[in-house]
Structure formats: C-alpha cells, structure tokens
Protein backbone atom coordinates (compact mmCIF):
# COMPACT_ATOMS: atom_id res chain seq x y z
CA UNK A 1 13.31 32.53 -54.29
CA UNK A 2 13.24 36.22 -55.90
CA UNK A 3 16.60 37.83 -56.43
CA UNK A 4 16.46 41.89 -55.21
CA UNK A 5 15.00 43.91 -58.48
CA UNK A 6 12.70 41.32 -59.58
CA UNK A 7 9.46 42.19 -61.03
CA UNK A 8 7.00 40.30 -58.94
CA UNK A 9 4.39 37.90 -60.67
CA UNK A 10 1.19 39.67 -61.22
CA UNK A 11 -0.60 36.52 -59.25
CA UNK A 12 1.62 37.10 -56.15
CA UNK A 13 -0.04 40.24 -53.95
CA UNK A 14 2.23 41.59 -51.01
CA UNK A 15 0.71 41.42 -47.77
CA UNK A 16 -0.43 44.70 -45.56
CA UNK A 17 0.80 44.63 -42.63
CA UNK A 18 -2.38 45.13 -40.63
CA UNK A 19 -3.60 41.86 -41.38
CA UNK A 20 -0.88 40.09 -40.47
CA UNK A 21 -1.43 41.97 -37.23
CA UNK A 22 -4.83 41.11 -37.30
CA UNK A 23 -4.07 36.86 -37.90
CA UNK A 24 -1.23 36.91 -34.99
CA UNK A 25 -3.71 38.67 -32.94
CA UNK A 26 -6.69 36.08 -33.83
CA UNK A 27 -3.88 33.05 -33.37
CA UNK A 28 -3.07 34.30 -30.02
CA UNK A 29 -6.54 35.11 -28.79
CA UNK A 30 -7.15 31.24 -30.39
CA UNK A 31 -4.32 30.13 -28.17
CA UNK A 32 -5.32 31.52 -25.17
CA UNK A 33 -8.84 31.05 -25.21
CA UNK A 34 -7.91 27.16 -26.02
CA UNK A 35 -5.86 26.78 -22.99
CA UNK A 36 -8.12 28.10 -20.40
CA UNK A 37 -10.65 26.16 -21.82
CA UNK A 38 -8.64 23.17 -21.34
CA UNK A 39 -7.30 23.82 -17.98
CA UNK A 40 -11.54 24.80 -17.17
CA UNK A 41 -12.61 21.31 -18.33
CA UNK A 42 -9.21 19.02 -17.46
CA UNK A 43 -10.42 18.21 -13.66
CA UNK A 44 -13.70 16.47 -15.48
CA UNK A 45 -12.04 14.98 -18.30
CA UNK A 46 -10.94 11.49 -18.08
CA UNK A 47 -7.47 11.88 -19.53
CA UNK A 48 -4.05 9.66 -18.45
CA UNK A 49 -1.74 11.73 -16.55
CA UNK A 50 0.74 13.89 -18.31
CA UNK A 51 4.49 13.03 -19.35
CA UNK A 52 6.42 15.70 -19.69
CA UNK A 53 7.97 16.00 -23.27
CA UNK A 54 6.04 13.36 -24.63
CA UNK A 55 2.99 13.59 -26.83
CA UNK A 56 -0.21 11.87 -24.88
CA UNK A 57 -3.78 12.32 -25.09
CA UNK A 58 -3.97 15.62 -22.95
CA UNK A 59 -1.68 17.32 -25.40
CA UNK A 60 -4.08 16.42 -28.69
CA UNK A 61 -6.89 17.43 -26.74
CA UNK A 62 -5.57 20.88 -26.23
CA UNK A 63 -4.60 22.09 -29.42
CA UNK A 64 -7.55 20.05 -30.45
CA UNK A 65 -9.49 23.44 -28.17
CA UNK A 66 -7.17 25.82 -29.23
CA UNK A 67 -8.05 24.80 -33.34
CA UNK A 68 -11.84 24.98 -32.04
CA UNK A 69 -11.31 28.75 -30.73
CA UNK A 70 -9.67 29.61 -34.16
CA UNK A 71 -12.28 28.06 -36.34
CA UNK A 72 -15.00 30.36 -33.91
CA UNK A 73 -12.82 33.52 -33.90
CA UNK A 74 -12.47 32.90 -37.81
CA UNK A 75 -16.22 32.36 -38.22
CA UNK A 76 -17.31 35.17 -36.04
CA UNK A 77 -14.84 37.81 -38.29
CA UNK A 78 -16.50 36.50 -41.33
CA UNK A 79 -20.14 37.33 -40.11
CA UNK A 80 -19.20 41.37 -39.24
C-alpha cells in the first residue's frame, strides 16, 4: 500500500478519468447487449429451468454472451 507523500514508482502510470469512463461504458454495454441476446435466444436454447440463487447452465450461457459482447466491443474499438 502506498503511503501519503511517497513517490510513485516509474513503472506505474496514473489512469486518466476518460479511459476509466470508457471502460465502464464498454463493460456496461457488453452486459446489456449480452443479456438482450440471451433473452432473445433463450426460448430456443435447450436449457433446464432456472432455479433462483443457484449456478446453472442458463447463468453460464448468459455470462458467455456478455463476454462475447465485451470481446466484440473491444475488437471494434481497436479497429478504429
């Protein structure tokens, strides 16, 4: 832990606020897009019924949709 008034090591750069906000927007967009894709495709997926507060296949597939959406967003931003 860094103490007040200590020097920051040269290999640690401060993070600018705009990049943090952009990362937050990208992550939030990925969650929303992933959930929309999951809920649109869920009726056609052969998944067992969801049980609240338990890890099941539906949650794993929903998480996977969000990860894919995040990867697509990050890839699209790099192509710019």
